[in-house]
Amino acid sequence: MQLFSRLMPHEGRFFDLFGQHAALVARGGGALADLLQSYEDEASRTRRIEEIGELEHAADRVTRETVALLHKTFVTPFDRDDIHRLISRMDDILDLIQDAAESLMLYDIRRLPAEAAHLADLVRICCERVQKAVSLMSSMKNAPAILMVCQEIDGLESDADRVMRGAISRLFREEDDTRQVIKLQAVYELLEAATDRCQDVADVIEGVVLENG
């Protein structure tokens, strides 16, 4: 079984960058969950939205550094396209987290149903699982554990999809304010889309493991 770690002395920098980005993703997921848990606290809300923006900008810098390294590296630890897909899909997660957070302010949403916090918590857990899977990638000895984490992300994404559908159904049944319906539906969809992007990352990682096992 080939080990990615054989290449680590030469191109271990890729795994360092993956780890840096994944840590930012996990922090972004945590900040989003905290934001929605304490949403009525205006000072906390503003602070969390600013924090998420800073994390997204930091992740963009790591993405640019990874792409630059890819362009100037002859030997890469695995397929070049997969490296680009992995870092890009991780960046998509934080983009959606930022979009969800900023939409709350943009739409001037003052109250949130419990389902929003539930979805945000599923985003947080998905992001933590992404970080865990990425942290294991430096060695194919970890292949079984990586695949197990990817399966967990798949299950969490399915959970988020069910929560979103239920939340939208209840919204249309119980909310009389059409503008509120439109606003909250958009927020729900952004939150669920963040779990979709986590699933995309899991798919890339799973493919890398199966191709290099």
N, C-alpha and C. Protein backbone atom coordinates (compact mmCIF):
# COMPACT_ATOMS: atom_id res chain seq x y z
N MET A 1 0.85 -1.19 0.00
CA MET A 1 0.00 0.00 0.00
C MET A 1 0.89 1.25 0.00
N GLN A 2 0.61 2.12 -0.97
CA GLN A 2 1.41 3.35 -1.07
C GLN A 2 1.09 4.28 0.09
N LEU A 3 2.10 4.91 0.62
CA LEU A 3 1.90 5.87 1.70
C LEU A 3 2.17 7.26 1.19
N PHE A 4 1.22 8.17 1.41
CA PHE A 4 1.48 9.56 1.07
C PHE A 4 2.70 10.07 1.83
N SER A 5 2.91 9.52 3.00
CA SER A 5 3.99 10.03 3.85
C SER A 5 5.36 9.82 3.24
N ARG A 6 5.49 8.90 2.26
CA ARG A 6 6.78 8.75 1.59
C ARG A 6 7.18 10.02 0.87
N LEU A 7 6.21 10.79 0.45
CA LEU A 7 6.50 12.02 -0.27
C LEU A 7 6.58 13.23 0.67
N MET A 8 6.20 13.01 1.90
CA MET A 8 6.13 14.13 2.84
C MET A 8 7.43 14.92 2.98
N PRO A 9 8.62 14.26 3.01
CA PRO A 9 9.84 15.06 3.13
C PRO A 9 10.00 16.07 1.99
N HIS A 10 9.43 15.74 0.81
CA HIS A 10 9.57 16.63 -0.34
C HIS A 10 8.41 17.62 -0.44
N GLU A 11 7.18 17.14 -0.27
CA GLU A 11 6.04 18.00 -0.49
C GLU A 11 5.04 17.96 0.67
N GLY A 12 5.56 17.81 1.86
CA GLY A 12 4.70 17.82 3.03
C GLY A 12 3.99 19.14 3.23
N ARG A 13 4.47 20.18 2.58
CA ARG A 13 3.85 21.50 2.70
C ARG A 13 2.38 21.46 2.29
N PHE A 14 2.03 20.62 1.32
CA PHE A 14 0.63 20.51 0.92
C PHE A 14 -0.24 20.10 2.09
N PHE A 15 0.22 19.10 2.84
CA PHE A 15 -0.58 18.62 3.96
C PHE A 15 -0.66 19.67 5.07
N ASP A 16 0.41 20.46 5.23
CA ASP A 16 0.36 21.56 6.19
C ASP A 16 -0.73 22.56 5.81
N LEU A 17 -0.78 22.87 4.52
CA LEU A 17 -1.76 23.84 4.04
C LEU A 17 -3.18 23.29 4.13
N PHE A 18 -3.35 22.02 3.78
CA PHE A 18 -4.67 21.40 3.94
C PHE A 18 -5.12 21.48 5.41
N GLY A 19 -4.18 21.19 6.30
CA GLY A 19 -4.51 21.22 7.72
C GLY A 19 -4.86 22.62 8.20
N GLN A 20 -4.12 23.63 7.72
CA GLN A 20 -4.41 25.01 8.10
C GLN A 20 -5.82 25.40 7.64
N HIS A 21 -6.13 25.04 6.40
CA HIS A 21 -7.44 25.41 5.86
C HIS A 21 -8.56 24.69 6.60
N ALA A 22 -8.36 23.40 6.83
CA ALA A 22 -9.39 22.61 7.52
C ALA A 22 -9.65 23.14 8.93
N ALA A 23 -8.59 23.62 9.59
CA ALA A 23 -8.76 24.20 10.92
C ALA A 23 -9.61 25.46 10.85
N LEU A 24 -9.42 26.25 9.80
CA LEU A 24 -10.23 27.45 9.62
C LEU A 24 -11.69 27.09 9.32
N VAL A 25 -11.89 26.03 8.54
CA VAL A 25 -13.24 25.55 8.26
C VAL A 25 -13.94 25.16 9.57
N ALA A 26 -13.22 24.41 10.42
CA ALA A 26 -13.80 23.97 11.69
C ALA A 26 -14.13 25.17 12.58
N ARG A 27 -13.24 26.15 12.61
CA ARG A 27 -13.50 27.35 13.41
C ARG A 27 -14.70 28.12 12.85
N GLY A 28 -14.81 28.16 11.53
CA GLY A 28 -15.95 28.84 10.91
C GLY A 28 -17.27 28.16 11.24
N GLY A 29 -17.26 26.83 11.22
CA GLY A 29 -18.46 26.10 11.59
C GLY A 29 -18.85 26.34 13.03
N GLY A 30 -17.85 26.39 13.90
CA GLY A 30 -18.12 26.67 15.31
C GLY A 30 -18.66 28.07 15.52
N ALA A 31 -18.09 29.04 14.82
CA ALA A 31 -18.55 30.43 14.96
C ALA A 31 -19.98 30.57 14.45
N LEU A 32 -20.30 29.86 13.37
CA LEU A 32 -21.66 29.91 12.84
C LEU A 32 -22.66 29.34 13.84
N ALA A 33 -22.33 28.19 14.43
CA ALA A 33 -23.22 27.59 15.43
C ALA A 33 -23.39 28.51 16.62
N ASP A 34 -22.30 29.13 17.08
CA ASP A 34 -22.39 30.07 18.20
C ASP A 34 -23.26 31.27 17.84
N LEU A 35 -23.11 31.74 16.61
CA LEU A 35 -23.90 32.88 16.14
C LEU A 35 -25.39 32.60 16.24
N LEU A 36 -25.81 31.46 15.78
CA LEU A 36 -27.23 31.16 15.78
C LEU A 36 -27.75 30.74 17.14
N GLN A 37 -26.87 30.22 18.01
CA GLN A 37 -27.29 29.86 19.36
C GLN A 37 -27.57 31.10 20.20
N SER A 38 -26.80 32.16 19.98
CA SER A 38 -26.97 33.38 20.78
C SER A 38 -27.37 34.55 19.89
N TYR A 39 -28.27 34.27 18.96
CA TYR A 39 -28.58 35.24 17.91
C TYR A 39 -29.22 36.52 18.44
N GLU A 40 -29.97 36.44 19.53
CA GLU A 40 -30.67 37.61 20.03
C GLU A 40 -29.73 38.61 20.70
N ASP A 41 -28.51 38.18 21.00
CA ASP A 41 -27.51 39.08 21.59
C ASP A 41 -26.84 39.84 20.46
N GLU A 42 -27.22 41.11 20.29
CA GLU A 42 -26.75 41.88 19.14
C GLU A 42 -25.23 42.03 19.10
N ALA A 43 -24.62 42.28 20.25
CA ALA A 43 -23.16 42.45 20.29
C ALA A 43 -22.46 41.16 19.89
N SER A 44 -22.94 40.04 20.43
CA SER A 44 -22.37 38.74 20.08
C SER A 44 -22.59 38.45 18.60
N ARG A 45 -23.76 38.80 18.09
CA ARG A 45 -24.08 38.56 16.68
C ARG A 45 -23.10 39.29 15.77
N THR A 46 -22.88 40.54 16.06
CA THR A 46 -21.95 41.34 15.24
C THR A 46 -20.54 40.78 15.31
N ARG A 47 -20.13 40.39 16.51
CA ARG A 47 -18.77 39.86 16.70
C ARG A 47 -18.57 38.56 15.93
N ARG A 48 -19.57 37.69 15.99
CA ARG A 48 -19.45 36.40 15.30
C ARG A 48 -19.43 36.57 13.79
N ILE A 49 -20.23 37.47 13.26
CA ILE A 49 -20.25 37.70 11.81
C ILE A 49 -18.90 38.25 11.35
N GLU A 50 -18.32 39.15 12.14
CA GLU A 50 -16.99 39.69 11.81
C GLU A 50 -15.94 38.58 11.87
N GLU A 51 -16.04 37.73 12.88
CA GLU A 51 -15.09 36.62 13.02
C GLU A 51 -15.16 35.68 11.82
N ILE A 52 -16.36 35.38 11.38
CA ILE A 52 -16.52 34.49 10.22
C ILE A 52 -15.90 35.13 8.98
N GLY A 53 -16.09 36.45 8.81
CA GLY A 53 -15.48 37.13 7.68
C GLY A 53 -13.96 37.05 7.72
N GLU A 54 -13.39 37.20 8.90
CA GLU A 54 -11.93 37.11 9.04
C GLU A 54 -11.43 35.71 8.73
N LEU A 55 -12.17 34.69 9.18
CA LEU A 55 -11.78 33.30 8.90
C LEU A 55 -11.84 33.02 7.40
N GLU A 56 -12.86 33.55 6.76
CA GLU A 56 -12.99 33.33 5.31
C GLU A 56 -11.83 33.97 4.55
N HIS A 57 -11.44 35.17 4.96
CA HIS A 57 -10.31 35.84 4.30
C HIS A 57 -9.01 35.06 4.54
N ALA A 58 -8.82 34.56 5.75
CA ALA A 58 -7.63 33.77 6.06
C ALA A 58 -7.60 32.50 5.21
N ALA A 59 -8.76 31.88 5.05
CA ALA A 59 -8.84 30.66 4.23
C ALA A 59 -8.53 30.95 2.77
N ASP A 60 -8.97 32.11 2.29
CA ASP A 60 -8.65 32.51 0.91
C ASP A 60 -7.15 32.59 0.71
N ARG A 61 -6.46 33.12 1.72
CA ARG A 61 -5.00 33.23 1.61
C ARG A 61 -4.35 31.84 1.54
N VAL A 62 -4.84 30.91 2.35
CA VAL A 62 -4.30 29.55 2.32
C VAL A 62 -4.60 28.90 0.97
N THR A 63 -5.77 29.14 0.43
CA THR A 63 -6.12 28.59 -0.88
C THR A 63 -5.18 29.12 -1.95
N ARG A 64 -4.94 30.41 -1.94
CA ARG A 64 -4.03 31.01 -2.93
C ARG A 64 -2.62 30.43 -2.79
N GLU A 65 -2.17 30.26 -1.56
CA GLU A 65 -0.84 29.70 -1.33
C GLU A 65 -0.76 28.26 -1.83
N THR A 66 -1.82 27.50 -1.63
CA THR A 66 -1.85 26.11 -2.10
C THR A 66 -1.80 26.05 -3.62
N VAL A 67 -2.60 26.87 -4.27
CA VAL A 67 -2.62 26.88 -5.74
C VAL A 67 -1.27 27.32 -6.29
N ALA A 68 -0.66 28.32 -5.66
CA ALA A 68 0.67 28.77 -6.10
C ALA A 68 1.69 27.66 -5.95
N LEU A 69 1.65 26.94 -4.83
CA LEU A 69 2.57 25.82 -4.62
C LEU A 69 2.34 24.73 -5.66
N LEU A 70 1.09 24.50 -5.99
CA LEU A 70 0.75 23.48 -6.99
C LEU A 70 1.36 23.82 -8.34
N HIS A 71 1.35 25.09 -8.70
CA HIS A 71 1.86 25.50 -10.00
C HIS A 71 3.37 25.37 -10.11
N LYS A 72 4.07 25.43 -8.98
CA LYS A 72 5.53 25.40 -9.06
C LYS A 72 6.12 24.08 -8.55
N THR A 73 5.25 23.10 -8.30
CA THR A 73 5.72 21.81 -7.78
C THR A 73 5.64 20.74 -8.86
N PHE A 74 6.72 20.02 -9.06
CA PHE A 74 6.75 18.96 -10.07
C PHE A 74 6.15 17.67 -9.53
N VAL A 75 6.55 17.28 -8.33
CA VAL A 75 6.05 16.05 -7.72
C VAL A 75 5.05 16.42 -6.63
N THR A 76 3.83 15.95 -6.77
CA THR A 76 2.78 16.23 -5.78
C THR A 76 2.39 14.94 -5.07
N PRO A 77 1.87 15.05 -3.85
CA PRO A 77 1.57 13.83 -3.07
C PRO A 77 0.43 12.99 -3.66
N PHE A 78 -0.47 13.62 -4.40
CA PHE A 78 -1.48 12.88 -5.17
C PHE A 78 -1.91 13.74 -6.34
N ASP A 79 -2.85 13.27 -7.11
CA ASP A 79 -3.23 13.90 -8.37
C ASP A 79 -3.43 15.41 -8.24
N ARG A 80 -2.89 16.16 -9.17
CA ARG A 80 -2.92 17.62 -9.11
C ARG A 80 -4.35 18.15 -9.14
N ASP A 81 -5.19 17.54 -9.99
CA ASP A 81 -6.58 17.99 -10.05
C ASP A 81 -7.29 17.75 -8.72
N ASP A 82 -6.98 16.64 -8.07
CA ASP A 82 -7.61 16.36 -6.77
C ASP A 82 -7.16 17.34 -5.71
N ILE A 83 -5.89 17.75 -5.76
CA ILE A 83 -5.40 18.75 -4.83
C ILE A 83 -6.17 20.06 -5.01
N HIS A 84 -6.33 20.45 -6.27
CA HIS A 84 -7.06 21.69 -6.55
C HIS A 84 -8.52 21.58 -6.13
N ARG A 85 -9.14 20.44 -6.41
CA ARG A 85 -10.53 20.25 -6.02
C ARG A 85 -10.68 20.26 -4.50
N LEU A 86 -9.76 19.62 -3.80
CA LEU A 86 -9.85 19.55 -2.34
C LEU A 86 -9.80 20.93 -1.71
N ILE A 87 -8.80 21.71 -2.07
CA ILE A 87 -8.66 23.03 -1.45
C ILE A 87 -9.80 23.96 -1.88
N SER A 88 -10.26 23.82 -3.12
CA SER A 88 -11.35 24.67 -3.61
C SER A 88 -12.67 24.33 -2.92
N ARG A 89 -12.94 23.05 -2.74
CA ARG A 89 -14.19 22.65 -2.08
C ARG A 89 -14.18 23.05 -0.61
N MET A 90 -13.01 22.96 0.04
CA MET A 90 -12.95 23.44 1.42
C MET A 90 -13.21 24.94 1.48
N ASP A 91 -12.69 25.66 0.51
CA ASP A 91 -12.92 27.10 0.47
C ASP A 91 -14.40 27.41 0.26
N ASP A 92 -15.07 26.58 -0.53
CA ASP A 92 -16.50 26.76 -0.76
C ASP A 92 -17.30 26.67 0.54
N ILE A 93 -16.86 25.80 1.45
CA ILE A 93 -17.57 25.65 2.73
C ILE A 93 -17.58 26.98 3.48
N LEU A 94 -16.42 27.59 3.61
CA LEU A 94 -16.34 28.86 4.35
C LEU A 94 -17.05 29.98 3.61
N ASP A 95 -17.04 29.95 2.28
CA ASP A 95 -17.78 30.95 1.51
C ASP A 95 -19.26 30.89 1.87
N LEU A 96 -19.80 29.68 1.94
CA LEU A 96 -21.22 29.52 2.25
C LEU A 96 -21.53 29.86 3.71
N ILE A 97 -20.61 29.52 4.60
CA ILE A 97 -20.79 29.91 6.00
C ILE A 97 -20.85 31.44 6.10
N GLN A 98 -19.95 32.11 5.39
CA GLN A 98 -19.97 33.57 5.41
C GLN A 98 -21.25 34.11 4.77
N ASP A 99 -21.68 33.51 3.66
CA ASP A 99 -22.91 33.94 3.01
C ASP A 99 -24.11 33.80 3.95
N ALA A 100 -24.16 32.68 4.66
CA ALA A 100 -25.28 32.45 5.59
C ALA A 100 -25.26 33.48 6.71
N ALA A 101 -24.07 33.72 7.27
CA ALA A 101 -23.97 34.69 8.37
C ALA A 101 -24.33 36.10 7.92
N GLU A 102 -23.81 36.51 6.78
CA GLU A 102 -24.06 37.87 6.31
C GLU A 102 -25.49 38.06 5.84
N SER A 103 -26.13 36.97 5.36
CA SER A 103 -27.52 37.10 4.92
C SER A 103 -28.43 37.44 6.10
N LEU A 104 -28.08 36.98 7.28
CA LEU A 104 -28.88 37.30 8.46
C LEU A 104 -28.91 38.81 8.70
N MET A 105 -27.76 39.45 8.51
CA MET A 105 -27.67 40.90 8.68
C MET A 105 -28.29 41.62 7.48
N LEU A 106 -28.01 41.11 6.28
CA LEU A 106 -28.53 41.74 5.06
C LEU A 106 -30.05 41.74 5.04
N TYR A 107 -30.65 40.63 5.46
CA TYR A 107 -32.11 40.52 5.46
C TYR A 107 -32.75 41.10 6.72
N ASP A 108 -31.92 41.61 7.62
CA ASP A 108 -32.41 42.20 8.88
C ASP A 108 -33.33 41.24 9.62
N ILE A 109 -32.85 40.01 9.76
CA ILE A 109 -33.63 38.99 10.46
C ILE A 109 -33.46 39.17 11.96
N ARG A 110 -34.57 39.32 12.66
CA ARG A 110 -34.53 39.60 14.09
C ARG A 110 -34.78 38.35 14.95
N ARG A 111 -35.48 37.38 14.40
CA ARG A 111 -35.75 36.15 15.15
C ARG A 111 -35.55 34.95 14.25
N LEU A 112 -35.10 33.86 14.87
CA LEU A 112 -34.80 32.64 14.11
C LEU A 112 -35.50 31.45 14.74
N PRO A 113 -36.16 30.63 13.94
CA PRO A 113 -36.74 29.39 14.47
C PRO A 113 -35.63 28.44 14.93
N ALA A 114 -36.01 27.48 15.76
CA ALA A 114 -35.03 26.54 16.32
C ALA A 114 -34.33 25.73 15.23
N GLU A 115 -35.02 25.51 14.11
CA GLU A 115 -34.41 24.71 13.04
C GLU A 115 -33.15 25.36 12.48
N ALA A 116 -33.08 26.67 12.52
CA ALA A 116 -31.88 27.35 12.00
C ALA A 116 -30.66 27.00 12.84
N ALA A 117 -30.82 27.03 14.16
CA ALA A 117 -29.72 26.66 15.04
C ALA A 117 -29.37 25.18 14.89
N HIS A 118 -30.38 24.35 14.67
CA HIS A 118 -30.13 22.92 14.45
C HIS A 118 -29.29 22.71 13.20
N LEU A 119 -29.67 23.40 12.12
CA LEU A 119 -28.89 23.28 10.89
C LEU A 119 -27.46 23.79 11.09
N ALA A 120 -27.31 24.90 11.79
CA ALA A 120 -25.97 25.44 12.04
C ALA A 120 -25.13 24.46 12.84
N ASP A 121 -25.75 23.76 13.77
CA ASP A 121 -25.00 22.79 14.56
C ASP A 121 -24.56 21.61 13.69
N LEU A 122 -25.41 21.21 12.74
CA LEU A 122 -25.01 20.15 11.81
C LEU A 122 -23.86 20.63 10.92
N VAL A 123 -23.88 21.90 10.53
CA VAL A 123 -22.75 22.46 9.77
C VAL A 123 -21.48 22.37 10.61
N ARG A 124 -21.59 22.75 11.88
CA ARG A 124 -20.42 22.70 12.78
C ARG A 124 -19.84 21.29 12.85
N ILE A 125 -20.70 20.31 13.06
CA ILE A 125 -20.21 18.93 13.18
C ILE A 125 -19.59 18.47 11.87
N CYS A 126 -20.23 18.80 10.74
CA CYS A 126 -19.66 18.44 9.43
C CYS A 126 -18.27 19.04 9.26
N CYS A 127 -18.12 20.30 9.64
CA CYS A 127 -16.83 20.98 9.49
C CYS A 127 -15.77 20.31 10.38
N GLU A 128 -16.16 19.90 11.57
CA GLU A 128 -15.22 19.20 12.45
C GLU A 128 -14.80 17.86 11.84
N ARG A 129 -15.74 17.18 11.20
CA ARG A 129 -15.41 15.91 10.55
C ARG A 129 -14.50 16.13 9.35
N VAL A 130 -14.72 17.22 8.63
CA VAL A 130 -13.82 17.55 7.51
C VAL A 130 -12.40 17.73 8.03
N GLN A 131 -12.26 18.48 9.12
CA GLN A 131 -10.93 18.68 9.69
C GLN A 131 -10.31 17.34 10.10
N LYS A 132 -11.11 16.47 10.69
CA LYS A 132 -10.58 15.17 11.11
C LYS A 132 -10.11 14.35 9.91
N ALA A 133 -10.92 14.30 8.86
CA ALA A 133 -10.54 13.53 7.67
C ALA A 133 -9.27 14.08 7.05
N VAL A 134 -9.18 15.40 6.94
CA VAL A 134 -8.00 16.03 6.34
C VAL A 134 -6.76 15.74 7.18
N SER A 135 -6.90 15.74 8.49
CA SER A 135 -5.75 15.51 9.37
C SER A 135 -5.18 14.11 9.22
N LEU A 136 -5.98 13.18 8.72
CA LEU A 136 -5.54 11.79 8.57
C LEU A 136 -4.93 11.51 7.20
N MET A 137 -4.97 12.47 6.30
CA MET A 137 -4.64 12.19 4.91
C MET A 137 -3.16 11.97 4.62
N SER A 138 -2.29 12.33 5.53
CA SER A 138 -0.86 12.26 5.24
C SER A 138 -0.35 10.83 5.12
N SER A 139 -1.14 9.86 5.58
CA SER A 139 -0.71 8.46 5.47
C SER A 139 -1.89 7.58 5.09
N MET A 140 -1.66 6.71 4.12
CA MET A 140 -2.70 5.77 3.72
C MET A 140 -2.92 4.68 4.76
N LYS A 141 -2.07 4.62 5.77
CA LYS A 141 -2.36 3.72 6.89
C LYS A 141 -3.70 4.09 7.55
N ASN A 142 -4.07 5.35 7.36
CA ASN A 142 -5.30 5.85 7.97
C ASN A 142 -6.52 5.67 7.07
N ALA A 143 -6.36 4.95 5.97
CA ALA A 143 -7.45 4.84 4.99
C ALA A 143 -8.77 4.40 5.60
N PRO A 144 -8.82 3.32 6.41
CA PRO A 144 -10.11 2.91 6.98
C PRO A 144 -10.76 4.00 7.83
N ALA A 145 -9.95 4.68 8.63
CA ALA A 145 -10.48 5.75 9.48
C ALA A 145 -10.98 6.92 8.63
N ILE A 146 -10.25 7.24 7.57
CA ILE A 146 -10.67 8.33 6.68
C ILE A 146 -12.01 8.01 6.06
N LEU A 147 -12.16 6.80 5.54
CA LEU A 147 -13.41 6.41 4.89
C LEU A 147 -14.57 6.42 5.87
N MET A 148 -14.29 6.06 7.12
CA MET A 148 -15.34 6.07 8.13
C MET A 148 -15.82 7.50 8.39
N VAL A 149 -14.89 8.44 8.47
CA VAL A 149 -15.25 9.84 8.68
C VAL A 149 -16.05 10.37 7.49
N CYS A 150 -15.65 9.98 6.28
CA CYS A 150 -16.37 10.41 5.08
C CYS A 150 -17.81 9.89 5.11
N GLN A 151 -18.00 8.69 5.60
CA GLN A 151 -19.35 8.14 5.74
C GLN A 151 -20.16 8.93 6.77
N GLU A 152 -19.50 9.36 7.84
CA GLU A 152 -20.18 10.17 8.85
C GLU A 152 -20.65 11.49 8.24
N ILE A 153 -19.82 12.10 7.42
CA ILE A 153 -20.18 13.36 6.77
C ILE A 153 -21.39 13.15 5.86
N ASP A 154 -21.40 12.04 5.15
CA ASP A 154 -22.52 11.71 4.28
C ASP A 154 -23.82 11.63 5.09
N GLY A 155 -23.76 10.98 6.23
CA GLY A 155 -24.94 10.86 7.09
C GLY A 155 -25.39 12.21 7.63
N LEU A 156 -24.44 13.05 8.01
CA LEU A 156 -24.77 14.37 8.53
C LEU A 156 -25.42 15.25 7.46
N GLU A 157 -24.92 15.13 6.23
CA GLU A 157 -25.50 15.90 5.13
C GLU A 157 -26.94 15.47 4.89
N SER A 158 -27.19 14.18 4.98
CA SER A 158 -28.57 13.68 4.83
C SER A 158 -29.46 14.20 5.95
N ASP A 159 -28.91 14.24 7.17
CA ASP A 159 -29.67 14.79 8.30
C ASP A 159 -30.02 16.26 8.05
N ALA A 160 -29.04 17.02 7.56
CA ALA A 160 -29.27 18.44 7.30
C ALA A 160 -30.34 18.63 6.22
N ASP A 161 -30.33 17.79 5.23
CA ASP A 161 -31.33 17.88 4.17
C ASP A 161 -32.73 17.65 4.73
N ARG A 162 -32.86 16.66 5.62
CA ARG A 162 -34.17 16.39 6.24
C ARG A 162 -34.62 17.54 7.13
N VAL A 163 -33.69 18.08 7.91
CA VAL A 163 -34.04 19.21 8.78
C VAL A 163 -34.48 20.40 7.95
N MET A 164 -33.77 20.68 6.86
CA MET A 164 -34.14 21.81 6.02
C MET A 164 -35.52 21.63 5.41
N ARG A 165 -35.81 20.44 4.89
CA ARG A 165 -37.12 20.21 4.28
C ARG A 165 -38.23 20.38 5.33
N GLY A 166 -38.01 19.85 6.53
CA GLY A 166 -39.00 20.01 7.59
C GLY A 166 -39.18 21.45 8.00
N ALA A 167 -38.06 22.18 8.06
CA ALA A 167 -38.11 23.59 8.46
C ALA A 167 -38.87 24.42 7.43
N ILE A 168 -38.61 24.18 6.16
CA ILE A 168 -39.31 24.94 5.11
C ILE A 168 -40.80 24.58 5.09
N SER A 169 -41.10 23.32 5.30
CA SER A 169 -42.50 22.90 5.36
C SER A 169 -43.24 23.62 6.48
N ARG A 170 -42.62 23.67 7.66
CA ARG A 170 -43.26 24.34 8.79
C ARG A 170 -43.38 25.84 8.55
N LEU A 171 -42.37 26.39 7.89
CA LEU A 171 -42.37 27.82 7.58
C LEU A 171 -43.58 28.18 6.72
N PHE A 172 -43.83 27.39 5.69
CA PHE A 172 -44.95 27.69 4.80
C PHE A 172 -46.30 27.45 5.46
N ARG A 173 -46.33 26.56 6.43
CA ARG A 173 -47.59 26.28 7.13
C ARG A 173 -47.90 27.32 8.20
N GLU A 174 -46.87 27.82 8.88
CA GLU A 174 -47.10 28.59 10.10
C GLU A 174 -46.74 30.07 10.02
N GLU A 175 -45.91 30.47 9.07
CA GLU A 175 -45.47 31.87 9.01
C GLU A 175 -46.38 32.66 8.07
N ASP A 176 -46.99 33.73 8.62
CA ASP A 176 -47.92 34.53 7.83
C ASP A 176 -47.24 35.65 7.05
N ASP A 177 -46.05 36.03 7.49
CA ASP A 177 -45.32 37.13 6.85
C ASP A 177 -44.53 36.58 5.65
N THR A 178 -44.97 36.93 4.45
CA THR A 178 -44.34 36.40 3.23
C THR A 178 -42.88 36.77 3.15
N ARG A 179 -42.55 37.98 3.57
CA ARG A 179 -41.14 38.39 3.52
C ARG A 179 -40.29 37.54 4.45
N GLN A 180 -40.82 37.21 5.61
CA GLN A 180 -40.09 36.36 6.54
C GLN A 180 -39.90 34.96 5.96
N VAL A 181 -40.91 34.46 5.28
CA VAL A 181 -40.79 33.15 4.63
C VAL A 181 -39.65 33.15 3.64
N ILE A 182 -39.60 34.17 2.80
CA ILE A 182 -38.55 34.26 1.76
C ILE A 182 -37.17 34.36 2.40
N LYS A 183 -37.04 35.19 3.43
CA LYS A 183 -35.76 35.38 4.10
C LYS A 183 -35.26 34.09 4.75
N LEU A 184 -36.13 33.47 5.52
CA LEU A 184 -35.72 32.27 6.26
C LEU A 184 -35.45 31.10 5.33
N GLN A 185 -36.24 30.98 4.28
CA GLN A 185 -35.98 29.90 3.32
C GLN A 185 -34.58 30.06 2.73
N ALA A 186 -34.19 31.29 2.39
CA ALA A 186 -32.86 31.53 1.84
C ALA A 186 -31.77 31.14 2.84
N VAL A 187 -31.99 31.48 4.11
CA VAL A 187 -31.01 31.13 5.15
C VAL A 187 -30.91 29.63 5.30
N TYR A 188 -32.04 28.96 5.38
CA TYR A 188 -32.04 27.50 5.49
C TYR A 188 -31.26 26.86 4.34
N GLU A 189 -31.50 27.35 3.15
CA GLU A 189 -30.85 26.75 1.98
C GLU A 189 -29.34 26.98 1.99
N LEU A 190 -28.91 28.13 2.47
CA LEU A 190 -27.48 28.39 2.57
C LEU A 190 -26.83 27.47 3.61
N LEU A 191 -27.50 27.29 4.73
CA LEU A 191 -26.96 26.42 5.77
C LEU A 191 -26.86 24.98 5.27
N GLU A 192 -27.91 24.51 4.60
CA GLU A 192 -27.88 23.14 4.08
C GLU A 192 -26.82 23.01 2.99
N ALA A 193 -26.65 24.05 2.18
CA ALA A 193 -25.64 24.01 1.12
C ALA A 193 -24.23 23.88 1.70
N ALA A 194 -24.00 24.46 2.88
CA ALA A 194 -22.68 24.31 3.52
C ALA A 194 -22.39 22.85 3.84
N THR A 195 -23.42 22.11 4.25
CA THR A 195 -23.21 20.67 4.50
C THR A 195 -23.00 19.93 3.18
N ASP A 196 -23.64 20.41 2.12
CA ASP A 196 -23.40 19.81 0.79
C ASP A 196 -21.93 19.95 0.40
N ARG A 197 -21.36 21.12 0.67
CA ARG A 197 -19.95 21.33 0.31
C ARG A 197 -19.04 20.46 1.17
N CYS A 198 -19.42 20.23 2.43
CA CYS A 198 -18.66 19.28 3.25
C CYS A 198 -18.71 17.89 2.63
N GLN A 199 -19.87 17.53 2.11
CA GLN A 199 -20.00 16.25 1.42
C GLN A 199 -19.12 16.20 0.18
N ASP A 200 -19.03 17.32 -0.53
CA ASP A 200 -18.16 17.39 -1.70
C ASP A 200 -16.70 17.14 -1.31
N VAL A 201 -16.28 17.74 -0.20
CA VAL A 201 -14.91 17.52 0.29
C VAL A 201 -14.71 16.05 0.63
N ALA A 202 -15.69 15.46 1.31
CA ALA A 202 -15.60 14.04 1.66
C ALA A 202 -15.49 13.18 0.42
N ASP A 203 -16.22 13.54 -0.63
CA ASP A 203 -16.16 12.77 -1.88
C ASP A 203 -14.77 12.83 -2.51
N VAL A 204 -14.17 14.03 -2.49
CA VAL A 204 -12.82 14.18 -3.03
C VAL A 204 -11.84 13.32 -2.23
N ILE A 205 -11.92 13.42 -0.91
CA ILE A 205 -11.00 12.67 -0.04
C ILE A 205 -11.20 11.17 -0.24
N GLU A 206 -12.44 10.73 -0.30
CA GLU A 206 -12.72 9.32 -0.50
C GLU A 206 -12.12 8.84 -1.83
N GLY A 207 -12.28 9.64 -2.87
CA GLY A 207 -11.71 9.28 -4.17
C GLY A 207 -10.19 9.16 -4.13
N VAL A 208 -9.55 10.09 -3.44
CA VAL A 208 -8.09 10.06 -3.30
C VAL A 208 -7.66 8.79 -2.58
N VAL A 209 -8.37 8.46 -1.51
CA VAL A 209 -8.01 7.26 -0.73
C VAL A 209 -8.17 5.99 -1.58
N LEU A 210 -9.28 5.90 -2.28
CA LEU A 210 -9.53 4.69 -3.08
C LEU A 210 -8.57 4.57 -4.26
N GLU A 211 -8.17 5.69 -4.83
CA GLU A 211 -7.24 5.66 -5.96
C GLU A 211 -5.81 5.35 -5.53
N ASN A 212 -5.47 5.68 -4.31
CA ASN A 212 -4.08 5.53 -3.86
C ASN A 212 -3.91 4.41 -2.85
N GLY A 213 -4.97 3.66 -2.58
CA GLY A 213 -4.90 2.59 -1.60
C GLY A 213 -4.19 1.35 -2.13
